[in-house]
Structure formats: C-alpha cells, structure tokens
Amino acid sequence: MVINLSEQHSLVSNWVGELRNVEVQGDRMRFRRNLERIGEIAAYEISKELPWQEVEIQTPLGTASTKVLREQPVVATILRAGLPMHNGILNYFDRADNAFISAYRKHHIDGTFEIQLEYMSFPPLEGRIVIITDPMLATGSSLVKTIHNMKAEGAPSQIHIVVAIACTVGIEYVHREQPDVKIWCGEIDDELTAKGYIVPGIGDAGDLAFGSKVQM
C-alpha cells in the first residue's frame, strides 16, 4: 500500500516543491528542515495505525483515562541522507529505539551499480514495528536489501517506509519483493533514468543536505 502525503496535506506538497526547487536547494538548513517536516507528518499519520492502550494517570485533582502507544517503534534510517527524516520521526516517537544502515550505490566504470550494505546496527526486531527512512525511493534496491537483512535477524510485525520522493518503478519493485510493507511518500514521480535517477526528482538528497562526498 502506498500513501501519497501530498494528496492529503498541502504543506507537504509545499515542502516537496522547495526540495525540488534549485533556487531553494542551496540553503542546506532549509533542505534538511523540509525533509524533517515530511518525517514529522509521516510519523503523525503512522501513529494513527499503531496499537494503543488505555491507562489511568494521576492529575493534581484526580485521575484521568488516556490512550498511549502499546509499544514504541524502531526508527531506522539509511545513512546518510535519511538522517533529517529520521530526526523528524523521532520528534514524534521520542522514546523509540533506533537502527542505522549504511547502504549505498557502488558505481562501476560501465555506468552500472550495485548496492553495498556495509553496516547495520539495530535492536532486536522480532515482532517490532519498524519505520525506515530514506529520502528517495528510486530503484528500490537499497530498501529491499535492507529489509531482507533485517528480516534475517527477526521478523517485524509491521514495516513502514517513509520517503520524500518515490518512483513508480521502485514502488512496484519493493512491493513485489516485500509485499507486506507500507510506503509513505511526499510525492510520486513516474520516470527513472537508465542510471537509476528519479525525474524530475530532487537531485542527490545526501549531497544537498550535507555537502558533496568522496566515496571510499
């Protein structure tokens, strides 16, 4: 299942527009903050689907019944580009456990690439609710590989993917390989280039958020 947040929230559409806009992208702080905001909205919407329980709390004048999360999710991010959205989700799930994955495209001379997954750090995942952040869902290869490796260590009860921009090709691939996940995105683009870049997309989210890099 895919939820396009721009169809529900005009502010998300506005933030996505700023992420795309070459005249605004140069402001790294604003770029990161817009990713963070999309993460916050996604966290709020996901919270509506998580299990709750009623508890009694003491107030200065008596007791009150209130609803609280039955369990805290595990918030996972694909480094480094996913960090701003990760922080946005943590602003809402502030007691969540965390997971970090180093997955990147290792490019070859002929223009092809493969997904390198070099580092994963996460708590026990068996039966847990997992929320994975990555600004761009292009081919879907890094997310599928990440989820496959997570499930090898323990099967989560729910997996939610939060991205700023998703490509239809990537969405189809993720659901073909991992049909039980739910995707929350800021917007959906239809075109993917031969080199695996989303059009119109936003460019390299990691570089725009944190500066250019040299891959070793």
N, C-alpha and C. Protein backbone atom coordinates (compact mmCIF):
# COMPACT_ATOMS: atom_id res chain seq x y z
N MET A 1 0.85 -1.20 0.00
CA MET A 1 0.00 0.00 0.00
C MET A 1 0.88 1.24 0.00
N VAL A 2 0.46 2.26 -0.74
CA VAL A 2 1.22 3.50 -0.84
C VAL A 2 0.34 4.68 -0.45
N ILE A 3 0.85 5.53 0.42
CA ILE A 3 0.16 6.75 0.82
C ILE A 3 0.96 7.94 0.31
N ASN A 4 0.37 8.73 -0.59
CA ASN A 4 0.99 9.95 -1.10
C ASN A 4 0.52 11.11 -0.21
N LEU A 5 1.40 11.58 0.66
CA LEU A 5 1.02 12.60 1.63
C LEU A 5 0.69 13.94 0.99
N SER A 6 1.20 14.21 -0.21
CA SER A 6 0.86 15.47 -0.89
C SER A 6 -0.61 15.53 -1.29
N GLU A 7 -1.25 14.37 -1.40
CA GLU A 7 -2.66 14.35 -1.73
C GLU A 7 -3.53 14.67 -0.52
N GLN A 8 -2.94 14.61 0.68
CA GLN A 8 -3.69 14.86 1.90
C GLN A 8 -3.33 16.18 2.57
N HIS A 9 -2.09 16.62 2.40
CA HIS A 9 -1.60 17.79 3.13
C HIS A 9 -0.96 18.79 2.17
N SER A 10 -1.55 19.97 2.05
CA SER A 10 -0.98 20.96 1.15
C SER A 10 0.41 21.39 1.60
N LEU A 11 0.70 21.37 2.89
CA LEU A 11 2.02 21.75 3.38
C LEU A 11 3.09 20.79 2.90
N VAL A 12 2.79 19.50 2.85
CA VAL A 12 3.76 18.53 2.35
C VAL A 12 4.10 18.84 0.91
N SER A 13 3.10 19.14 0.11
CA SER A 13 3.33 19.50 -1.29
C SER A 13 4.22 20.73 -1.39
N ASN A 14 4.00 21.69 -0.50
CA ASN A 14 4.82 22.90 -0.49
C ASN A 14 6.27 22.58 -0.15
N TRP A 15 6.47 21.72 0.85
CA TRP A 15 7.83 21.36 1.25
C TRP A 15 8.54 20.56 0.15
N VAL A 16 7.81 19.66 -0.51
CA VAL A 16 8.39 18.91 -1.62
C VAL A 16 8.80 19.87 -2.73
N GLY A 17 7.96 20.87 -3.00
CA GLY A 17 8.29 21.87 -4.01
C GLY A 17 9.59 22.58 -3.70
N GLU A 18 9.82 22.90 -2.43
CA GLU A 18 11.07 23.56 -2.05
C GLU A 18 12.25 22.61 -2.17
N LEU A 19 12.04 21.33 -1.85
CA LEU A 19 13.12 20.34 -2.02
C LEU A 19 13.55 20.25 -3.48
N ARG A 20 12.60 20.38 -4.40
CA ARG A 20 12.89 20.28 -5.83
C ARG A 20 13.52 21.55 -6.40
N ASN A 21 13.19 22.68 -5.84
CA ASN A 21 13.50 24.00 -6.42
C ASN A 21 15.00 24.31 -6.33
N VAL A 22 15.66 24.44 -7.48
CA VAL A 22 17.10 24.70 -7.49
C VAL A 22 17.44 26.04 -6.86
N GLU A 23 16.47 26.96 -6.79
CA GLU A 23 16.72 28.27 -6.20
C GLU A 23 16.65 28.20 -4.67
N VAL A 24 16.11 27.12 -4.13
CA VAL A 24 15.98 26.97 -2.67
C VAL A 24 16.94 25.91 -2.15
N GLN A 25 17.33 24.97 -3.00
CA GLN A 25 18.14 23.84 -2.57
C GLN A 25 19.48 24.24 -1.97
N GLY A 26 20.02 25.38 -2.36
CA GLY A 26 21.32 25.80 -1.86
C GLY A 26 21.34 26.08 -0.37
N ASP A 27 20.17 26.28 0.22
CA ASP A 27 20.07 26.50 1.67
C ASP A 27 19.99 25.13 2.34
N ARG A 28 21.13 24.61 2.77
CA ARG A 28 21.17 23.25 3.32
C ARG A 28 20.31 23.09 4.56
N MET A 29 20.29 24.14 5.41
CA MET A 29 19.49 24.05 6.62
C MET A 29 18.01 23.92 6.27
N ARG A 30 17.55 24.69 5.30
CA ARG A 30 16.14 24.61 4.89
C ARG A 30 15.84 23.27 4.24
N PHE A 31 16.79 22.77 3.43
CA PHE A 31 16.61 21.46 2.80
C PHE A 31 16.44 20.37 3.86
N ARG A 32 17.32 20.38 4.86
CA ARG A 32 17.22 19.38 5.92
C ARG A 32 15.91 19.54 6.70
N ARG A 33 15.53 20.79 6.96
CA ARG A 33 14.31 21.04 7.75
C ARG A 33 13.08 20.57 6.99
N ASN A 34 13.04 20.74 5.66
CA ASN A 34 11.89 20.27 4.89
C ASN A 34 11.80 18.75 4.91
N LEU A 35 12.94 18.07 4.84
CA LEU A 35 12.93 16.61 4.99
C LEU A 35 12.43 16.23 6.38
N GLU A 36 12.88 16.96 7.38
CA GLU A 36 12.47 16.69 8.76
C GLU A 36 10.96 16.87 8.91
N ARG A 37 10.42 17.93 8.31
CA ARG A 37 8.98 18.18 8.39
C ARG A 37 8.17 17.06 7.77
N ILE A 38 8.62 16.56 6.62
CA ILE A 38 7.91 15.45 5.98
C ILE A 38 7.94 14.23 6.90
N GLY A 39 9.09 14.01 7.56
CA GLY A 39 9.17 12.92 8.53
C GLY A 39 8.19 13.10 9.67
N GLU A 40 8.01 14.33 10.13
CA GLU A 40 7.07 14.60 11.23
C GLU A 40 5.64 14.29 10.82
N ILE A 41 5.24 14.74 9.63
CA ILE A 41 3.89 14.47 9.16
C ILE A 41 3.67 12.96 9.00
N ALA A 42 4.67 12.27 8.43
CA ALA A 42 4.56 10.82 8.26
C ALA A 42 4.41 10.13 9.61
N ALA A 43 5.19 10.57 10.60
CA ALA A 43 5.10 9.98 11.93
C ALA A 43 3.70 10.15 12.52
N TYR A 44 3.14 11.33 12.36
CA TYR A 44 1.79 11.58 12.86
C TYR A 44 0.77 10.66 12.20
N GLU A 45 0.88 10.52 10.87
CA GLU A 45 -0.07 9.67 10.14
C GLU A 45 0.12 8.19 10.50
N ILE A 46 1.36 7.76 10.63
CA ILE A 46 1.62 6.37 11.00
C ILE A 46 1.08 6.08 12.41
N SER A 47 1.18 7.05 13.29
CA SER A 47 0.73 6.85 14.67
C SER A 47 -0.73 6.46 14.75
N LYS A 48 -1.53 6.89 13.77
CA LYS A 48 -2.95 6.57 13.77
C LYS A 48 -3.20 5.07 13.57
N GLU A 49 -2.20 4.37 13.03
CA GLU A 49 -2.36 2.96 12.71
C GLU A 49 -1.68 2.03 13.71
N LEU A 50 -1.03 2.61 14.73
CA LEU A 50 -0.31 1.79 15.69
C LEU A 50 -1.21 1.41 16.87
N PRO A 51 -0.95 0.27 17.50
CA PRO A 51 -1.80 -0.18 18.60
C PRO A 51 -1.66 0.71 19.84
N TRP A 52 -2.81 1.01 20.46
CA TRP A 52 -2.85 1.84 21.65
C TRP A 52 -3.45 1.05 22.81
N GLN A 53 -3.26 1.58 24.01
CA GLN A 53 -3.93 1.02 25.18
C GLN A 53 -4.34 2.16 26.10
N GLU A 54 -5.41 1.94 26.86
CA GLU A 54 -5.87 2.96 27.80
C GLU A 54 -5.19 2.75 29.15
N VAL A 55 -4.76 3.86 29.75
CA VAL A 55 -4.15 3.82 31.08
C VAL A 55 -4.76 4.92 31.94
N GLU A 56 -4.70 4.72 33.24
CA GLU A 56 -5.14 5.74 34.18
C GLU A 56 -3.93 6.54 34.65
N ILE A 57 -4.05 7.86 34.61
CA ILE A 57 -2.97 8.71 35.09
C ILE A 57 -3.49 9.62 36.20
N GLN A 58 -2.56 10.02 37.06
CA GLN A 58 -2.92 10.88 38.17
C GLN A 58 -2.72 12.34 37.78
N THR A 59 -3.73 13.15 37.97
CA THR A 59 -3.62 14.60 37.77
C THR A 59 -3.57 15.27 39.14
N PRO A 60 -3.30 16.57 39.21
CA PRO A 60 -3.31 17.24 40.53
C PRO A 60 -4.66 17.16 41.24
N LEU A 61 -5.74 16.94 40.47
CA LEU A 61 -7.08 16.97 41.07
C LEU A 61 -7.81 15.64 40.99
N GLY A 62 -7.17 14.60 40.50
CA GLY A 62 -7.88 13.32 40.40
C GLY A 62 -7.17 12.39 39.44
N THR A 63 -7.95 11.55 38.78
CA THR A 63 -7.39 10.62 37.80
C THR A 63 -8.09 10.82 36.45
N ALA A 64 -7.40 10.45 35.42
CA ALA A 64 -7.95 10.58 34.07
C ALA A 64 -7.54 9.35 33.26
N SER A 65 -8.40 8.98 32.33
CA SER A 65 -8.10 7.88 31.43
C SER A 65 -7.54 8.46 30.13
N THR A 66 -6.46 7.90 29.65
CA THR A 66 -5.85 8.40 28.41
C THR A 66 -5.32 7.24 27.59
N LYS A 67 -5.10 7.48 26.31
CA LYS A 67 -4.56 6.45 25.43
C LYS A 67 -3.08 6.68 25.20
N VAL A 68 -2.32 5.61 25.23
CA VAL A 68 -0.87 5.68 24.97
C VAL A 68 -0.50 4.55 24.02
N LEU A 69 0.64 4.70 23.36
CA LEU A 69 1.12 3.64 22.49
C LEU A 69 1.35 2.37 23.29
N ARG A 70 0.92 1.25 22.74
CA ARG A 70 1.15 -0.03 23.39
C ARG A 70 2.63 -0.40 23.35
N GLU A 71 3.30 0.01 22.29
CA GLU A 71 4.73 -0.25 22.16
C GLU A 71 5.37 0.85 21.34
N GLN A 72 6.66 1.02 21.54
CA GLN A 72 7.41 2.01 20.79
C GLN A 72 7.98 1.37 19.52
N PRO A 73 8.00 2.10 18.41
CA PRO A 73 8.56 1.55 17.18
C PRO A 73 10.08 1.59 17.18
N VAL A 74 10.66 0.93 16.20
CA VAL A 74 12.08 1.07 15.90
C VAL A 74 12.19 1.98 14.69
N VAL A 75 12.87 3.11 14.84
CA VAL A 75 13.04 4.05 13.74
C VAL A 75 14.41 3.79 13.11
N ALA A 76 14.40 3.40 11.84
CA ALA A 76 15.64 3.03 11.15
C ALA A 76 15.89 4.02 10.02
N THR A 77 17.16 4.28 9.75
CA THR A 77 17.49 5.17 8.65
C THR A 77 18.65 4.63 7.84
N ILE A 78 18.61 4.92 6.54
CA ILE A 78 19.71 4.57 5.65
C ILE A 78 20.63 5.79 5.56
N LEU A 79 21.85 5.62 6.05
CA LEU A 79 22.81 6.71 6.11
C LEU A 79 23.27 7.11 4.71
N ARG A 80 23.58 8.38 4.49
CA ARG A 80 23.48 9.49 5.44
C ARG A 80 22.25 10.33 5.19
N ALA A 81 21.70 10.16 3.97
CA ALA A 81 20.63 11.05 3.50
C ALA A 81 19.36 10.95 4.34
N GLY A 82 19.15 9.80 4.99
CA GLY A 82 17.91 9.61 5.75
C GLY A 82 17.88 10.28 7.10
N LEU A 83 19.00 10.86 7.54
CA LEU A 83 19.08 11.41 8.90
C LEU A 83 18.07 12.51 9.20
N PRO A 84 17.85 13.50 8.31
CA PRO A 84 16.87 14.54 8.64
C PRO A 84 15.46 13.98 8.83
N MET A 85 15.04 13.06 7.98
CA MET A 85 13.71 12.46 8.14
C MET A 85 13.64 11.61 9.40
N HIS A 86 14.75 10.95 9.70
CA HIS A 86 14.86 10.17 10.93
C HIS A 86 14.61 11.07 12.14
N ASN A 87 15.26 12.23 12.15
CA ASN A 87 15.07 13.17 13.25
C ASN A 87 13.63 13.65 13.33
N GLY A 88 13.00 13.87 12.16
CA GLY A 88 11.61 14.30 12.16
C GLY A 88 10.69 13.27 12.80
N ILE A 89 10.92 12.00 12.51
CA ILE A 89 10.11 10.94 13.11
C ILE A 89 10.39 10.85 14.61
N LEU A 90 11.66 11.02 15.01
CA LEU A 90 11.99 10.99 16.44
C LEU A 90 11.37 12.16 17.20
N ASN A 91 11.09 13.26 16.52
CA ASN A 91 10.42 14.38 17.19
C ASN A 91 9.05 13.96 17.71
N TYR A 92 8.45 12.95 17.07
CA TYR A 92 7.13 12.47 17.48
C TYR A 92 7.23 11.18 18.28
N PHE A 93 8.04 10.23 17.82
CA PHE A 93 8.26 8.99 18.57
C PHE A 93 9.56 9.15 19.37
N ASP A 94 9.54 10.03 20.36
CA ASP A 94 10.78 10.42 21.03
C ASP A 94 11.33 9.34 21.95
N ARG A 95 10.57 8.28 22.21
CA ARG A 95 11.06 7.19 23.04
C ARG A 95 11.37 5.95 22.21
N ALA A 96 11.39 6.10 20.90
CA ALA A 96 11.61 4.96 20.01
C ALA A 96 13.03 4.43 20.11
N ASP A 97 13.18 3.14 19.81
CA ASP A 97 14.50 2.58 19.59
C ASP A 97 14.95 2.97 18.18
N ASN A 98 16.25 2.81 17.92
CA ASN A 98 16.81 3.29 16.66
C ASN A 98 17.67 2.24 15.98
N ALA A 99 17.71 2.34 14.64
CA ALA A 99 18.55 1.46 13.84
C ALA A 99 19.20 2.29 12.74
N PHE A 100 20.42 1.91 12.35
CA PHE A 100 21.16 2.64 11.34
C PHE A 100 21.78 1.67 10.35
N ILE A 101 21.64 2.00 9.07
CA ILE A 101 22.09 1.13 7.99
C ILE A 101 22.96 1.93 7.03
N SER A 102 24.13 1.41 6.74
CA SER A 102 25.00 2.03 5.73
C SER A 102 24.81 1.26 4.43
N ALA A 103 24.03 1.83 3.53
CA ALA A 103 23.79 1.22 2.22
C ALA A 103 23.99 2.30 1.16
N TYR A 104 24.74 1.98 0.13
CA TYR A 104 24.99 2.98 -0.90
C TYR A 104 25.21 2.30 -2.25
N ARG A 105 25.13 3.12 -3.30
CA ARG A 105 25.39 2.62 -4.65
C ARG A 105 26.89 2.62 -4.94
N LYS A 106 27.42 1.46 -5.24
CA LYS A 106 28.82 1.38 -5.66
C LYS A 106 28.83 1.35 -7.18
N HIS A 107 29.26 2.44 -7.79
CA HIS A 107 29.20 2.59 -9.24
C HIS A 107 30.39 1.92 -9.92
N HIS A 108 30.14 1.38 -11.12
CA HIS A 108 31.18 0.76 -11.92
C HIS A 108 31.49 1.64 -13.13
N ILE A 109 32.60 1.36 -13.78
CA ILE A 109 33.04 2.18 -14.91
C ILE A 109 32.01 2.18 -16.04
N ASP A 110 31.30 1.07 -16.21
CA ASP A 110 30.33 0.98 -17.31
C ASP A 110 29.01 1.69 -17.01
N GLY A 111 28.92 2.35 -15.85
CA GLY A 111 27.71 3.09 -15.50
C GLY A 111 26.73 2.31 -14.65
N THR A 112 26.91 1.01 -14.50
CA THR A 112 26.04 0.21 -13.65
C THR A 112 26.44 0.38 -12.18
N PHE A 113 25.63 -0.12 -11.29
CA PHE A 113 25.96 -0.04 -9.88
C PHE A 113 25.36 -1.22 -9.13
N GLU A 114 25.89 -1.46 -7.96
CA GLU A 114 25.34 -2.47 -7.07
C GLU A 114 25.19 -1.85 -5.68
N ILE A 115 24.29 -2.40 -4.89
CA ILE A 115 24.06 -1.87 -3.55
C ILE A 115 25.04 -2.51 -2.58
N GLN A 116 25.84 -1.68 -1.94
CA GLN A 116 26.77 -2.14 -0.92
C GLN A 116 26.15 -1.87 0.45
N LEU A 117 26.02 -2.90 1.24
CA LEU A 117 25.50 -2.77 2.60
C LEU A 117 26.62 -3.18 3.54
N GLU A 118 27.24 -2.17 4.20
CA GLU A 118 28.45 -2.43 4.95
C GLU A 118 28.26 -2.42 6.45
N TYR A 119 27.14 -1.84 6.92
CA TYR A 119 26.98 -1.68 8.36
C TYR A 119 25.51 -1.67 8.72
N MET A 120 25.14 -2.42 9.75
CA MET A 120 23.78 -2.39 10.28
C MET A 120 23.85 -2.44 11.80
N SER A 121 23.13 -1.56 12.45
CA SER A 121 23.07 -1.55 13.91
C SER A 121 21.61 -1.39 14.31
N PHE A 122 21.06 -2.39 14.99
CA PHE A 122 19.65 -2.30 15.38
C PHE A 122 19.37 -3.17 16.60
N PRO A 123 18.30 -2.83 17.33
CA PRO A 123 17.89 -3.65 18.48
C PRO A 123 17.19 -4.91 17.98
N PRO A 124 16.81 -5.83 18.87
CA PRO A 124 16.02 -7.00 18.44
C PRO A 124 14.75 -6.54 17.71
N LEU A 125 14.46 -7.16 16.57
CA LEU A 125 13.36 -6.71 15.71
C LEU A 125 12.17 -7.65 15.69
N GLU A 126 12.29 -8.81 16.30
CA GLU A 126 11.21 -9.79 16.26
C GLU A 126 9.93 -9.21 16.85
N GLY A 127 8.88 -9.17 16.02
CA GLY A 127 7.59 -8.68 16.47
C GLY A 127 7.50 -7.18 16.66
N ARG A 128 8.52 -6.43 16.26
CA ARG A 128 8.53 -4.98 16.46
C ARG A 128 7.92 -4.25 15.26
N ILE A 129 7.48 -3.02 15.48
CA ILE A 129 7.05 -2.12 14.41
C ILE A 129 8.28 -1.33 13.97
N VAL A 130 8.59 -1.38 12.67
CA VAL A 130 9.79 -0.74 12.15
C VAL A 130 9.40 0.35 11.15
N ILE A 131 9.99 1.53 11.29
CA ILE A 131 9.81 2.63 10.36
C ILE A 131 11.17 2.95 9.75
N ILE A 132 11.29 2.82 8.43
CA ILE A 132 12.56 3.05 7.74
C ILE A 132 12.48 4.34 6.94
N THR A 133 13.49 5.20 7.09
CA THR A 133 13.51 6.46 6.35
C THR A 133 14.63 6.47 5.31
N ASP A 134 14.31 7.01 4.15
CA ASP A 134 15.28 7.23 3.07
C ASP A 134 14.62 8.24 2.13
N PRO A 135 15.24 9.40 1.88
CA PRO A 135 14.54 10.44 1.10
C PRO A 135 14.06 10.01 -0.27
N MET A 136 14.82 9.12 -0.94
CA MET A 136 14.48 8.77 -2.32
C MET A 136 14.25 7.26 -2.46
N LEU A 137 13.11 6.90 -3.03
CA LEU A 137 12.86 5.51 -3.40
C LEU A 137 12.94 5.47 -4.92
N ALA A 138 14.11 5.14 -5.44
CA ALA A 138 14.34 5.14 -6.89
C ALA A 138 14.14 3.74 -7.45
N THR A 139 15.20 2.94 -7.50
CA THR A 139 15.06 1.56 -7.96
C THR A 139 14.45 0.68 -6.88
N GLY A 140 14.61 1.08 -5.63
CA GLY A 140 14.12 0.28 -4.51
C GLY A 140 15.10 -0.77 -4.03
N SER A 141 16.25 -0.88 -4.69
CA SER A 141 17.20 -1.95 -4.38
C SER A 141 17.76 -1.86 -2.96
N SER A 142 18.13 -0.64 -2.53
CA SER A 142 18.72 -0.50 -1.19
C SER A 142 17.70 -0.82 -0.10
N LEU A 143 16.45 -0.40 -0.29
CA LEU A 143 15.42 -0.69 0.70
C LEU A 143 15.11 -2.18 0.75
N VAL A 144 15.01 -2.82 -0.39
CA VAL A 144 14.73 -4.26 -0.41
C VAL A 144 15.85 -5.03 0.27
N LYS A 145 17.10 -4.67 -0.02
CA LYS A 145 18.24 -5.35 0.60
C LYS A 145 18.26 -5.11 2.10
N THR A 146 17.95 -3.89 2.51
CA THR A 146 17.90 -3.56 3.94
C THR A 146 16.85 -4.39 4.65
N ILE A 147 15.64 -4.44 4.09
CA ILE A 147 14.55 -5.18 4.72
C ILE A 147 14.87 -6.68 4.76
N HIS A 148 15.45 -7.20 3.69
CA HIS A 148 15.82 -8.61 3.65
C HIS A 148 16.79 -8.94 4.79
N ASN A 149 17.79 -8.09 4.99
CA ASN A 149 18.75 -8.34 6.06
C ASN A 149 18.15 -8.16 7.44
N MET A 150 17.23 -7.22 7.58
CA MET A 150 16.54 -7.06 8.87
C MET A 150 15.73 -8.30 9.22
N LYS A 151 14.97 -8.79 8.25
CA LYS A 151 14.12 -9.95 8.50
C LYS A 151 14.94 -11.19 8.82
N ALA A 152 16.17 -11.23 8.32
CA ALA A 152 17.03 -12.38 8.62
C ALA A 152 17.39 -12.42 10.10
N GLU A 153 17.32 -11.27 10.78
CA GLU A 153 17.64 -11.19 12.20
C GLU A 153 16.40 -11.28 13.09
N GLY A 154 15.22 -11.11 12.51
CA GLY A 154 13.98 -11.15 13.29
C GLY A 154 12.87 -10.50 12.50
N ALA A 155 11.70 -11.14 12.48
CA ALA A 155 10.60 -10.67 11.65
C ALA A 155 9.80 -9.58 12.36
N PRO A 156 9.83 -8.33 11.85
CA PRO A 156 8.99 -7.27 12.43
C PRO A 156 7.51 -7.56 12.21
N SER A 157 6.66 -7.01 13.08
CA SER A 157 5.22 -7.16 12.92
C SER A 157 4.67 -6.22 11.85
N GLN A 158 5.29 -5.05 11.71
CA GLN A 158 4.92 -4.08 10.68
C GLN A 158 6.19 -3.41 10.16
N ILE A 159 6.19 -3.07 8.87
CA ILE A 159 7.29 -2.28 8.30
C ILE A 159 6.70 -1.12 7.52
N HIS A 160 7.07 0.09 7.90
CA HIS A 160 6.66 1.30 7.21
C HIS A 160 7.90 1.94 6.60
N ILE A 161 7.79 2.37 5.35
CA ILE A 161 8.87 3.08 4.67
C ILE A 161 8.44 4.52 4.47
N VAL A 162 9.29 5.47 4.84
CA VAL A 162 8.99 6.89 4.70
C VAL A 162 10.02 7.51 3.77
N VAL A 163 9.55 8.09 2.65
CA VAL A 163 10.44 8.72 1.68
C VAL A 163 9.85 10.07 1.26
N ALA A 164 10.72 10.96 0.80
CA ALA A 164 10.25 12.24 0.29
C ALA A 164 9.70 12.09 -1.12
N ILE A 165 10.47 11.41 -1.99
CA ILE A 165 10.06 11.18 -3.37
C ILE A 165 10.16 9.69 -3.66
N ALA A 166 9.10 9.12 -4.23
CA ALA A 166 9.10 7.72 -4.64
C ALA A 166 8.88 7.64 -6.14
N CYS A 167 9.52 6.70 -6.78
CA CYS A 167 9.32 6.44 -8.20
C CYS A 167 8.44 5.20 -8.36
N THR A 168 7.55 5.23 -9.32
CA THR A 168 6.62 4.11 -9.50
C THR A 168 7.37 2.80 -9.73
N VAL A 169 8.49 2.85 -10.45
CA VAL A 169 9.27 1.62 -10.69
C VAL A 169 9.77 1.04 -9.37
N GLY A 170 10.28 1.92 -8.50
CA GLY A 170 10.77 1.47 -7.21
C GLY A 170 9.67 0.95 -6.31
N ILE A 171 8.52 1.63 -6.33
CA ILE A 171 7.38 1.18 -5.54
C ILE A 171 6.98 -0.24 -5.95
N GLU A 172 6.89 -0.47 -7.25
CA GLU A 172 6.50 -1.78 -7.75
C GLU A 172 7.51 -2.85 -7.36
N TYR A 173 8.80 -2.51 -7.42
CA TYR A 173 9.83 -3.48 -7.06
C TYR A 173 9.78 -3.82 -5.57
N VAL A 174 9.64 -2.81 -4.73
CA VAL A 174 9.57 -3.05 -3.30
C VAL A 174 8.38 -3.94 -2.96
N HIS A 175 7.23 -3.65 -3.52
CA HIS A 175 6.03 -4.43 -3.22
C HIS A 175 6.08 -5.83 -3.82
N ARG A 176 6.82 -5.97 -4.90
CA ARG A 176 6.99 -7.31 -5.47
C ARG A 176 7.88 -8.18 -4.58
N GLU A 177 8.92 -7.56 -4.04
CA GLU A 177 9.88 -8.30 -3.21
C GLU A 177 9.47 -8.35 -1.73
N GLN A 178 8.80 -7.29 -1.27
CA GLN A 178 8.39 -7.20 0.14
C GLN A 178 6.94 -6.72 0.20
N PRO A 179 5.99 -7.59 -0.13
CA PRO A 179 4.59 -7.15 -0.27
C PRO A 179 3.92 -6.71 1.03
N ASP A 180 4.54 -6.95 2.17
CA ASP A 180 3.89 -6.62 3.43
C ASP A 180 4.23 -5.22 3.93
N VAL A 181 5.05 -4.45 3.21
CA VAL A 181 5.44 -3.13 3.69
C VAL A 181 4.44 -2.07 3.24
N LYS A 182 4.39 -0.98 4.00
CA LYS A 182 3.56 0.17 3.63
C LYS A 182 4.46 1.36 3.37
N ILE A 183 4.24 2.05 2.25
CA ILE A 183 5.10 3.15 1.84
C ILE A 183 4.37 4.48 2.02
N TRP A 184 5.01 5.41 2.71
CA TRP A 184 4.51 6.76 2.91
C TRP A 184 5.47 7.71 2.19
N CYS A 185 4.97 8.50 1.26
CA CYS A 185 5.85 9.35 0.47
C CYS A 185 5.30 10.77 0.36
N GLY A 186 6.24 11.70 0.14
CA GLY A 186 5.84 13.10 -0.06
C GLY A 186 5.28 13.35 -1.43
N GLU A 187 5.75 12.59 -2.43
CA GLU A 187 5.26 12.72 -3.79
C GLU A 187 5.73 11.52 -4.60
N ILE A 188 5.07 11.26 -5.73
CA ILE A 188 5.42 10.14 -6.60
C ILE A 188 5.77 10.66 -7.98
N ASP A 189 6.94 10.27 -8.50
CA ASP A 189 7.36 10.58 -9.86
C ASP A 189 7.34 9.28 -10.68
N ASP A 190 7.11 9.42 -11.99
CA ASP A 190 6.96 8.23 -12.83
C ASP A 190 8.22 7.83 -13.59
N GLU A 191 9.16 8.76 -13.76
CA GLU A 191 10.30 8.47 -14.64
C GLU A 191 11.56 8.12 -13.85
N LEU A 192 12.26 7.09 -14.33
CA LEU A 192 13.54 6.67 -13.77
C LEU A 192 14.53 6.54 -14.92
N THR A 193 15.67 7.21 -14.83
CA THR A 193 16.64 7.15 -15.92
C THR A 193 17.35 5.80 -15.94
N ALA A 194 18.10 5.56 -17.02
CA ALA A 194 18.85 4.31 -17.16
C ALA A 194 19.88 4.15 -16.04
N LYS A 195 20.32 5.26 -15.47
CA LYS A 195 21.30 5.19 -14.37
C LYS A 195 20.63 5.16 -13.00
N GLY A 196 19.30 5.08 -12.99
CA GLY A 196 18.59 4.91 -11.73
C GLY A 196 18.30 6.18 -10.98
N TYR A 197 18.17 7.32 -11.68
CA TYR A 197 17.84 8.58 -11.03
C TYR A 197 16.39 8.97 -11.33
N ILE A 198 15.71 9.50 -10.31
CA ILE A 198 14.31 9.88 -10.45
C ILE A 198 14.20 11.22 -11.17
N VAL A 199 13.25 11.31 -12.11
CA VAL A 199 12.97 12.54 -12.85
C VAL A 199 11.50 12.91 -12.66
N PRO A 200 11.16 14.15 -12.25
CA PRO A 200 12.08 15.28 -12.04
C PRO A 200 12.89 15.19 -10.75
N GLY A 201 12.40 14.44 -9.75
CA GLY A 201 13.19 14.20 -8.55
C GLY A 201 13.63 15.45 -7.84
N ILE A 202 14.76 15.33 -7.11
CA ILE A 202 15.31 16.49 -6.40
C ILE A 202 16.83 16.55 -6.53
N GLY A 203 17.44 15.58 -7.17
CA GLY A 203 18.90 15.50 -7.20
C GLY A 203 19.39 14.56 -6.11
N ASP A 204 20.64 14.73 -5.68
CA ASP A 204 21.24 13.89 -4.65
C ASP A 204 20.90 14.46 -3.27
N ALA A 205 19.98 13.80 -2.58
CA ALA A 205 19.50 14.33 -1.30
C ALA A 205 20.61 14.39 -0.26
N GLY A 206 21.50 13.39 -0.25
CA GLY A 206 22.59 13.41 0.72
C GLY A 206 23.52 14.59 0.51
N ASP A 207 23.87 14.86 -0.74
CA ASP A 207 24.75 16.00 -1.04
C ASP A 207 24.07 17.31 -0.71
N LEU A 208 22.78 17.42 -1.04
CA LEU A 208 22.07 18.67 -0.79
C LEU A 208 21.91 18.93 0.71
N ALA A 209 21.80 17.87 1.49
CA ALA A 209 21.62 18.03 2.93
C ALA A 209 22.94 18.25 3.66
N PHE A 210 24.01 17.57 3.19
CA PHE A 210 25.25 17.55 3.98
C PHE A 210 26.50 17.92 3.20
N GLY A 211 26.39 18.19 1.89
CA GLY A 211 27.55 18.53 1.10
C GLY A 211 28.04 17.36 0.28
N SER A 212 28.86 17.65 -0.74
CA SER A 212 29.35 16.60 -1.64
C SER A 212 30.28 15.65 -0.88
N LYS A 213 30.47 14.46 -1.44
CA LYS A 213 31.27 13.45 -0.76
C LYS A 213 32.19 12.75 -1.75
N VAL A 214 33.20 12.11 -1.19
CA VAL A 214 34.06 11.21 -1.96
C VAL A 214 33.86 9.83 -1.38
N GLN A 215 33.40 8.88 -2.18
CA GLN A 215 33.17 7.53 -1.70
C GLN A 215 34.46 6.74 -1.73
N MET A 216 34.76 6.07 -0.61
CA MET A 216 35.98 5.29 -0.48
C MET A 216 35.66 3.79 -0.55
